[in-house]
Structures are given as C-alpha cells and as structure tokens.
Amino acid sequence: MEFDLQWLLLGLPVAFALGWLASRLDLRQWKREAESSPRAYFKGLNLLLNEQQDKAIDAFIEAVQHDPGSSDLHFALGNLFRRRGEYERAVRVHQHLLQRGDLPQADRERAQHALAQDYMKAGLFDRAEAAFQSLQGTPFETESRLALLGLHERSRDWPAAVQVATLLEQSGTGSFAGRISHYWCEQAQQALDRGDETLAHQALERAQKASPHAARPLLMQAQRLLNRGAAGEALDLCARLQHQNPEAFVLGAGLLVDAAQACGRLDNARSLLQHTLNLHPSLDLLRALARLDGRALGDDPALLNLMATQPSLSAAQELLALPGGPRDDAALALVREAVARGARPLQRWRCAACGFEAQRYFWQCPGCLSWDSYPAHRVEEQ
C-alpha cells in the first residue's frame, strides 16, 4: 500500500492549527487563574487594612484555592486566624504548610515559628515549648528563646529560665543579669519554703553574683540571717545595701530596725536611716526612724518638712491619727493640700466604654465617640 503524500500535506496544517488552539486555550486559562489569584489577594489585603477581618479571611481562602502552592497566602491566612483567636484553624494552616514536601527550608522554619506562636496563644504551652525548641540554630532562634523564657517564667521553671536567659546573654541579645538574679531568688524562696537552708544560701549567693547591686538577694539573705538569730550579720547586710543601692534601701528599712533592736545597735541603724533620708526623703524611712525611737510619727517635725515637698495621703493620715489632730494651722494646711492632691485624680468622669477620663462631663466621649457612656457619678463616687 503506497503512502499518499497528499494526506501528509493536508494533515500538517491541521495538526499545527489544533496545537496552536490548544496552547491558546491553556494560556488563557492560566492567565485567568493568575489574574484571579492576585485580585483575591489584594481584595483581602484591602479588607484587612479596613479592619474587616472576617471578609479578609474569606478573600484569602479564595486566593488560596486559586493558588494552593503559594506559601505567602497560607502565612497571611494563618496569621489572620491567630489574630481572630481561631487558633485551631491557624494550627491547621501552618501544619499543612509543614507537610508539604516542596516547601523551601526558609519557609519551613517560618511555618514552624508561626505554629509555635499558635500553640502559645492557644495555651498549649507544652507543644509551644517543643515547637520553639526545634527552632534552635535557625534565624528564629533569638525570638524562640525569648518566647521560651516567657514560658518558663509562666510555669515557674526557674532552672530552665536561668539556662535560657544565660544563652540569650551569651548570644549578645542584651543583659539579663537582673532577671537571672530574680530567678535564683525564686529558687532560694522555694528552698526556704521546703526548709532547705543550704540550698537557699547557695541560690542567694548565685543571685548576688549574677547582679551584685541587686537589692533582693541582700534583703532575702538579711531576713534569713535574722530568722536564724544572726541579727548583727543581718544589719551588716542592710548597711551594705545602703552603700550599694541607697534608693532601694527603703525596702529594707523595717528589716534594719528589727535587726538593730535584736542586736542592740540602735545608733548604727539610726545613722544609716538618717543619712539615707537626707539623700532620698521617704515616708517609710521616717516611719522606720520613729519606730526605732519608739515615738509616734505624727510628732516628728521632719514629717511636716517632708509634706511640704512631698504631700501625700499617707503622711496626712499620720497627722490626723494624733490625738486632737494636727497640732497647728501649718500642719492643718499641709493636710488639706495632701488631701486635695490625692483627691484630684479621682474627681473625674470615666467613660464606661473605653475608660477615657476627663475633668468635665461629656455627653459624647472624646476617646471612642460613644454617646451617654459617662456615668453620672465621678470616679471617686463609683
């Protein structure tokens, strides 16, 4: 059977035409899909900027359906779910990303970090901790360690918190000396609650070493020594605190008085309190001095001098507690000034909708623009 070249000449143009038509149809379909995906994406972005999160989620879901391979759309959708409080849906989106075999390593690490945040917001702290731990050695390492530090503080896992804070400090993230000192103090308090004096002493020493000028380790150590009957050593630690951190010394003023009365070193304590009072005037220091001398604070002329510069309701209360009230007109005037100053922030109206406070009554809140949101009574009367 001979092959007819005429059919070949007729078939070639037909095949070419069919191929061209098929390519045009595929191209048009691809173009329509490519145009519909960005259109849905930008629609979702516009809705998000207009704070219409529900409609934005619908638009992003439509965009993901048109372009299921786009990881950026998945990230946007997952983050929206998390912001809306729909943590289960956010977890599913990010888990779906992690299950993809074609996901680049950078996007995989990003999805793992987003999943850890989902667990954190959802209150699944054990899963969040494991997810953050898996991000060690990635660009999200520092953020993950900071999140882990918050988790350890929340769960009161102080040894783990010390370890993570030390790693953060070693990596140059910042200084965590103060926080590490507090973590050791928390461990010391737990040891004291168990009656383990040795472990408490070791933890407090490490707390002082972590932050030599911190007030809490010295105060805890002084209280521990006073409880054990070593009042003189406790007073020496209070004196050391006054030398290292005079402003924080007021926190240990009562402890200083207890130690001085227990060991009989009243003059030493009085000198420390008076010296600090000259540097940093405080009602608590005056109260400690009065207790040290066994007299009423309201009878101390220094109280009037303090009220002249720092009028407070607590100081006014001390004067009013005297038999017969303030001794003279000057003291009475200081009491009035202190009461007026203390009452001023309470003599306002507060919006029940947003909490905006104002010195005059508004029918429409200047903060949230709500009508009739101000109660008829001032803050102090509520």
Protein backbone atom coordinates (compact mmCIF):
# COMPACT_ATOMS: atom_id res chain seq x y z
CA MET A 1 0.00 0.00 0.00
CA GLU A 2 1.55 3.25 -1.10
CA PHE A 3 1.58 6.24 1.23
CA ASP A 4 -0.21 9.24 -0.24
CA LEU A 5 1.83 12.41 0.35
CA GLN A 6 -1.29 14.45 -0.26
CA TRP A 7 -2.73 13.38 3.11
CA LEU A 8 0.50 14.35 4.84
CA LEU A 9 0.40 17.80 3.29
CA LEU A 10 -3.18 18.20 4.40
CA GLY A 11 -2.59 16.82 7.95
CA LEU A 12 0.35 19.01 8.91
CA PRO A 13 -1.57 22.32 8.83
CA VAL A 14 -4.49 20.73 10.69
CA ALA A 15 -2.19 19.39 13.44
CA PHE A 16 -0.48 22.75 13.70
CA ALA A 17 -3.80 24.54 13.98
CA LEU A 18 -5.06 22.16 16.68
CA GLY A 19 -1.82 22.56 18.67
CA TRP A 20 -1.96 26.34 18.39
CA LEU A 21 -5.60 26.36 19.52
CA ALA A 22 -4.87 24.11 22.50
CA SER A 23 -1.96 26.29 23.58
CA ARG A 24 -4.08 29.40 23.35
CA LEU A 25 -6.79 27.82 25.48
CA ASP A 26 -4.28 26.74 28.15
CA LEU A 27 -2.66 30.15 28.09
CA ARG A 28 -5.99 31.89 28.54
CA GLN A 29 -6.94 29.58 31.40
CA TRP A 30 -3.58 30.14 33.10
CA LYS A 31 -3.93 33.87 32.60
CA ARG A 32 -7.41 33.88 34.12
CA GLU A 33 -6.20 31.91 37.15
CA ALA A 34 -3.15 34.12 37.55
CA GLU A 35 -5.31 37.23 37.39
CA SER A 36 -7.96 35.91 39.77
CA SER A 37 -5.42 34.95 42.46
CA PRO A 38 -3.78 38.40 42.80
CA ARG A 39 -7.20 40.01 42.58
CA ALA A 40 -8.43 37.95 45.54
CA TYR A 41 -5.18 38.59 47.39
CA PHE A 42 -5.36 42.36 47.00
CA LYS A 43 -9.03 42.28 47.87
CA GLY A 44 -8.17 40.51 51.13
CA LEU A 45 -5.37 42.97 51.80
CA ASN A 46 -7.71 45.92 51.27
CA LEU A 47 -10.30 44.42 53.61
CA LEU A 48 -7.61 43.78 56.19
CA LEU A 49 -6.47 47.39 56.06
CA ASN A 50 -10.09 48.44 56.57
CA GLU A 51 -10.21 46.21 59.68
CA GLN A 52 -12.77 43.84 58.13
CA GLN A 53 -11.05 40.66 59.22
CA ASP A 54 -13.95 38.29 58.54
CA LYS A 55 -14.25 39.34 54.90
CA ALA A 56 -10.46 39.39 54.56
CA ILE A 57 -10.30 35.74 55.71
CA ASP A 58 -12.89 34.79 53.06
CA ALA A 59 -10.87 36.59 50.38
CA PHE A 60 -7.63 34.88 51.40
CA ILE A 61 -9.35 31.48 51.43
CA GLU A 62 -10.48 32.17 47.86
CA ALA A 63 -6.95 33.19 46.91
CA VAL A 64 -5.51 30.01 48.44
CA GLN A 65 -8.00 27.90 46.48
CA HIS A 66 -6.90 29.54 43.24
CA ASP A 67 -3.21 29.21 44.10
CA PRO A 68 -2.73 26.37 46.60
CA GLY A 69 1.02 26.38 46.09
CA SER A 70 1.54 29.92 47.36
CA SER A 71 3.05 29.79 50.85
CA ASP A 72 2.70 33.54 51.38
CA LEU A 73 -1.08 33.26 51.10
CA HIS A 74 -1.07 30.45 53.65
CA PHE A 75 1.01 32.54 56.06
CA ALA A 76 -1.33 35.51 55.67
CA LEU A 77 -4.35 33.29 56.27
CA GLY A 78 -2.80 31.57 59.29
CA ASN A 79 -1.80 34.85 60.89
CA LEU A 80 -5.31 36.20 60.38
CA PHE A 81 -6.80 33.16 62.07
CA ARG A 82 -4.45 33.64 65.04
CA ARG A 83 -5.31 37.32 65.35
CA ARG A 84 -9.00 36.41 65.28
CA GLY A 85 -8.50 33.90 68.08
CA GLU A 86 -9.25 30.94 65.80
CA TYR A 87 -6.17 29.09 66.92
CA GLU A 88 -7.27 25.64 65.76
CA ARG A 89 -7.68 26.85 62.18
CA ALA A 90 -4.35 28.67 62.37
CA VAL A 91 -2.68 25.46 63.55
CA ARG A 92 -4.20 23.51 60.64
CA VAL A 93 -2.95 26.06 58.09
CA HIS A 94 0.61 26.02 59.39
CA GLN A 95 0.64 22.25 59.83
CA HIS A 96 -0.48 21.91 56.21
CA LEU A 97 2.48 24.04 55.17
CA LEU A 98 4.89 21.86 57.15
CA GLN A 99 3.53 18.72 55.49
CA ARG A 100 4.39 19.96 52.02
CA GLY A 101 7.46 18.28 50.61
CA ASP A 102 8.27 21.11 48.20
CA LEU A 103 8.38 23.81 50.89
CA PRO A 104 11.76 25.64 50.97
CA GLN A 105 13.75 25.41 54.19
CA ALA A 106 13.32 29.10 54.98
CA ASP A 107 9.52 28.83 54.67
CA ARG A 108 9.54 25.62 56.70
CA GLU A 109 11.29 27.39 59.58
CA ARG A 110 8.89 30.30 59.25
CA ALA A 111 5.92 27.93 59.40
CA GLN A 112 7.37 26.20 62.45
CA HIS A 113 7.73 29.56 64.20
CA ALA A 114 4.17 30.51 63.30
CA LEU A 115 2.92 27.14 64.58
CA ALA A 116 4.74 27.69 67.87
CA GLN A 117 3.02 31.07 68.20
CA ASP A 118 -0.34 29.40 67.53
CA TYR A 119 0.27 26.92 70.35
CA MET A 120 1.38 29.76 72.63
CA LYS A 121 -1.77 31.79 72.01
CA ALA A 122 -3.95 28.72 72.38
CA GLY A 123 -2.48 27.98 75.81
CA LEU A 124 -0.86 24.70 74.69
CA PHE A 125 2.38 25.53 76.45
CA ASP A 126 3.94 22.07 76.27
CA ARG A 127 3.51 21.96 72.49
CA ALA A 128 4.66 25.57 72.18
CA GLU A 129 7.81 24.78 74.15
CA ALA A 130 8.63 21.80 71.92
CA ALA A 131 7.98 23.88 68.79
CA PHE A 132 10.20 26.73 69.97
CA GLN A 133 12.92 24.26 70.99
CA SER A 134 13.01 22.89 67.44
CA LEU A 135 13.91 26.36 66.11
CA GLN A 136 17.35 26.40 67.74
CA GLY A 137 20.02 27.09 65.13
CA THR A 138 17.58 28.89 62.80
CA PRO A 139 17.07 32.61 62.10
CA PHE A 140 14.20 32.44 64.61
CA GLU A 141 16.48 31.28 67.42
CA THR A 142 16.53 34.54 69.39
CA GLU A 143 12.77 35.07 69.14
CA SER A 144 12.21 31.46 70.17
CA ARG A 145 14.47 31.78 73.20
CA LEU A 146 12.66 34.92 74.32
CA ALA A 147 9.35 33.10 73.98
CA LEU A 148 10.75 30.13 75.89
CA LEU A 149 11.89 32.47 78.64
CA GLY A 150 8.34 33.75 78.98
CA LEU A 151 7.03 30.19 79.08
CA HIS A 152 9.47 29.20 81.82
CA GLU A 153 8.51 32.26 83.87
CA ARG A 154 4.84 31.44 83.44
CA SER A 155 5.37 27.84 84.56
CA ARG A 156 7.82 28.98 87.30
CA ASP A 157 10.51 26.65 85.94
CA TRP A 158 13.33 28.79 87.31
CA PRO A 159 16.31 26.48 86.49
CA ALA A 160 15.22 26.38 82.84
CA ALA A 161 14.72 30.15 82.88
CA VAL A 162 18.28 30.65 84.16
CA GLN A 163 19.60 28.46 81.36
CA VAL A 164 17.71 30.25 78.58
CA ALA A 165 18.49 33.73 79.94
CA THR A 166 22.19 32.82 80.11
CA LEU A 167 22.13 31.68 76.47
CA LEU A 168 20.43 34.91 75.44
CA GLU A 169 23.03 36.99 77.24
CA GLN A 170 25.88 34.98 75.73
CA SER A 171 24.45 35.48 72.24
CA GLY A 172 24.56 39.26 72.68
CA THR A 173 20.79 39.76 72.83
CA GLY A 174 21.14 42.01 75.88
CA SER A 175 21.78 42.00 79.59
CA PHE A 176 19.70 39.53 81.58
CA ALA A 177 21.67 39.85 84.82
CA GLY A 178 18.77 41.31 86.78
CA ARG A 179 16.34 38.65 85.63
CA ILE A 180 18.80 35.84 86.30
CA SER A 181 19.27 37.21 89.82
CA HIS A 182 15.50 37.11 90.36
CA TYR A 183 15.36 33.53 89.06
CA TRP A 184 17.93 32.46 91.66
CA CYS A 185 16.00 34.34 94.35
CA GLU A 186 12.85 32.46 93.37
CA GLN A 187 14.73 29.19 93.73
CA ALA A 188 16.03 30.34 97.11
CA GLN A 189 12.48 31.11 98.24
CA GLN A 190 11.33 27.66 97.16
CA ALA A 191 14.22 26.13 99.12
CA LEU A 192 13.30 28.18 102.20
CA ASP A 193 9.70 27.04 101.93
CA ARG A 194 10.99 23.46 102.00
CA GLY A 195 13.29 24.22 104.93
CA ASP A 196 16.45 23.65 102.89
CA GLU A 197 18.73 26.37 104.31
CA THR A 198 21.85 25.14 102.49
CA LEU A 199 20.29 25.24 99.03
CA ALA A 200 18.71 28.62 99.79
CA HIS A 201 22.08 30.06 100.82
CA GLN A 202 23.73 28.76 97.63
CA ALA A 203 20.95 30.17 95.44
CA LEU A 204 21.18 33.59 97.09
CA GLU A 205 24.95 33.66 96.61
CA ARG A 206 24.46 32.95 92.91
CA ALA A 207 21.82 35.68 92.77
CA GLN A 208 24.28 38.20 94.25
CA LYS A 209 26.97 37.04 91.82
CA ALA A 210 24.64 37.45 88.84
CA SER A 211 23.73 41.03 89.83
CA PRO A 212 25.99 42.41 92.58
CA HIS A 213 23.96 45.61 93.04
CA ALA A 214 20.55 43.95 93.14
CA ALA A 215 18.56 44.63 96.31
CA ARG A 216 16.50 41.46 96.51
CA PRO A 217 19.31 38.93 97.23
CA LEU A 218 20.69 41.08 100.06
CA LEU A 219 17.27 41.60 101.60
CA MET A 220 16.42 37.90 101.42
CA GLN A 221 19.79 36.97 102.90
CA ALA A 222 19.37 39.52 105.69
CA GLN A 223 15.89 38.24 106.51
CA ARG A 224 17.21 34.68 106.50
CA LEU A 225 20.02 35.61 108.91
CA LEU A 226 17.65 37.50 111.20
CA ASN A 227 15.34 34.49 111.35
CA ARG A 228 18.30 32.34 112.35
CA GLY A 229 19.25 34.72 115.17
CA ALA A 230 22.22 36.36 113.43
CA ALA A 231 20.87 39.92 113.81
CA GLY A 232 24.29 41.58 113.64
CA GLU A 233 25.08 39.95 110.28
CA ALA A 234 21.63 40.90 109.01
CA LEU A 235 22.25 44.54 109.98
CA ASP A 236 25.61 44.47 108.18
CA LEU A 237 23.88 43.28 105.00
CA CYS A 238 21.37 46.13 105.31
CA ALA A 239 24.28 48.56 105.63
CA ARG A 240 25.83 47.02 102.54
CA LEU A 241 22.60 47.57 100.64
CA GLN A 242 22.54 51.20 101.76
CA HIS A 243 26.05 51.63 100.37
CA GLN A 244 25.41 49.85 97.07
CA ASN A 245 21.86 50.97 96.31
CA PRO A 246 20.65 53.84 98.54
CA GLU A 247 17.34 54.22 96.67
CA ALA A 248 16.39 50.59 97.26
CA PHE A 249 17.45 50.78 100.91
CA VAL A 250 13.96 51.99 101.83
CA LEU A 251 12.67 48.47 101.05
CA GLY A 252 14.76 47.14 103.94
CA ALA A 253 14.18 49.96 106.42
CA GLY A 254 11.81 47.88 108.56
CA LEU A 255 14.17 44.91 108.43
CA LEU A 256 17.02 47.17 109.56
CA VAL A 257 15.03 48.29 112.59
CA ASP A 258 14.20 44.70 113.52
CA ALA A 259 17.86 43.69 113.26
CA ALA A 260 19.09 46.76 115.22
CA GLN A 261 16.62 46.17 118.04
CA ALA A 262 17.58 42.49 118.18
CA CYS A 263 21.32 43.12 118.43
CA GLY A 264 21.23 46.47 120.28
CA ARG A 265 22.97 48.53 117.58
CA LEU A 266 20.38 51.31 117.57
CA ASP A 267 22.82 54.16 116.93
CA ASN A 268 24.23 52.41 113.89
CA ALA A 269 20.77 51.92 112.43
CA ARG A 270 19.72 55.49 113.24
CA SER A 271 22.79 56.84 111.43
CA LEU A 272 22.05 54.75 108.33
CA LEU A 273 18.40 55.79 108.24
CA GLN A 274 19.14 59.48 108.74
CA HIS A 275 21.87 59.51 106.11
CA THR A 276 19.61 57.85 103.56
CA LEU A 277 16.73 60.15 104.48
CA ASN A 278 18.87 63.17 103.65
CA LEU A 279 19.65 61.69 100.23
CA HIS A 280 16.26 60.21 99.36
CA PRO A 281 13.41 61.60 101.52
CA SER A 282 10.77 58.95 102.13
CA LEU A 283 7.85 58.44 104.48
CA ASP A 284 8.91 54.82 105.04
CA LEU A 285 12.31 55.96 106.27
CA LEU A 286 10.67 58.43 108.65
CA ARG A 287 8.35 55.68 109.88
CA ALA A 288 11.33 53.39 110.49
CA LEU A 289 13.13 56.11 112.46
CA ALA A 290 10.05 56.75 114.58
CA ARG A 291 9.68 53.03 115.32
CA LEU A 292 13.37 52.80 116.18
CA ASP A 293 12.97 55.60 118.74
CA GLY A 294 9.59 54.37 119.99
CA ARG A 295 7.62 57.53 119.22
CA ALA A 296 4.64 58.49 117.06
CA LEU A 297 5.48 59.57 113.54
CA GLY A 298 2.99 62.43 113.67
CA ASP A 299 5.05 64.12 116.41
CA ASP A 300 8.20 64.23 114.25
CA PRO A 301 8.86 67.75 112.85
CA ALA A 302 10.56 66.08 109.90
CA LEU A 303 7.15 64.82 108.78
CA LEU A 304 5.97 68.39 108.19
CA ASN A 305 9.11 69.15 106.21
CA LEU A 306 8.51 66.08 104.08
CA MET A 307 4.87 67.00 103.47
CA ALA A 308 5.91 70.46 102.34
CA THR A 309 7.83 68.92 99.43
CA GLN A 310 6.01 65.60 99.01
CA PRO A 311 2.38 65.95 100.14
CA SER A 312 0.75 62.53 100.38
CA LEU A 313 -2.36 60.99 101.87
CA SER A 314 -0.27 58.56 103.91
CA ALA A 315 1.58 61.42 105.61
CA ALA A 316 -1.69 63.27 106.17
CA GLN A 317 -3.09 60.14 107.78
CA GLU A 318 -0.23 60.13 110.27
CA LEU A 319 -1.04 63.70 111.31
CA LEU A 320 -4.75 63.01 111.57
CA ALA A 321 -4.04 59.97 113.74
CA LEU A 322 -2.61 62.21 116.50
CA PRO A 323 -4.88 62.82 119.49
CA GLY A 324 -6.71 66.02 118.68
CA GLY A 325 -5.49 66.01 115.08
CA PRO A 326 -2.83 68.35 113.62
CA ARG A 327 -1.03 70.47 116.23
CA ASP A 328 -1.18 73.85 114.46
CA ASP A 329 -2.54 75.69 111.44
CA ALA A 330 0.57 74.94 109.35
CA ALA A 331 0.12 71.21 109.82
CA LEU A 332 -3.59 71.51 109.05
CA ALA A 333 -2.81 73.38 105.82
CA LEU A 334 -0.42 70.61 104.77
CA VAL A 335 -3.09 68.01 105.43
CA ARG A 336 -5.56 69.94 103.27
CA GLU A 337 -3.01 70.19 100.47
CA ALA A 338 -2.28 66.47 100.64
CA VAL A 339 -5.97 65.57 100.58
CA ALA A 340 -6.63 67.92 97.66
CA ARG A 341 -3.71 66.48 95.72
CA GLY A 342 -4.75 62.90 96.41
CA ALA A 343 -8.39 63.52 95.52
CA ARG A 344 -7.66 65.35 92.25
CA PRO A 345 -7.25 62.20 90.04
CA LEU A 346 -10.49 60.79 91.49
CA GLN A 347 -12.55 63.90 90.81
CA ARG A 348 -13.02 62.91 87.16
CA TRP A 349 -15.57 61.17 85.00
CA ARG A 350 -14.56 57.92 83.29
CA CYS A 351 -16.08 56.57 80.09
CA ALA A 352 -17.67 53.16 80.68
CA ALA A 353 -16.91 52.12 77.10
CA CYS A 354 -13.20 52.93 76.71
CA GLY A 355 -12.04 54.25 80.10
CA PHE A 356 -11.23 57.76 78.87
CA GLU A 357 -11.10 60.13 81.84
CA ALA A 358 -11.98 63.80 81.74
CA GLN A 359 -12.22 66.65 84.23
CA ARG A 360 -15.63 67.70 82.89
CA TYR A 361 -18.68 65.72 81.87
CA PHE A 362 -19.12 64.78 78.19
CA TRP A 363 -22.30 63.55 76.55
CA GLN A 364 -20.15 62.06 73.80
CA CYS A 365 -16.83 60.51 74.75
CA PRO A 366 -13.88 62.28 73.07
CA GLY A 367 -11.99 58.98 73.05
CA CYS A 368 -14.36 56.43 71.49
CA LEU A 369 -17.16 58.84 70.40
CA SER A 370 -19.79 56.82 72.29
CA TRP A 371 -22.93 58.64 73.40
CA ASP A 372 -24.10 58.61 77.04
CA SER A 373 -21.14 56.43 78.04
CA TYR A 374 -20.17 58.59 81.02
CA PRO A 375 -21.82 57.61 84.32
CA ALA A 376 -23.42 60.44 86.20
CA HIS A 377 -21.05 60.00 89.17
CA ARG A 378 -17.35 60.77 89.34
CA VAL A 379 -14.71 58.08 89.73
CA GLU A 380 -14.41 58.51 93.49
CA GLU A 381 -18.16 58.01 93.91
CA GLN A 382 -18.41 54.80 91.91
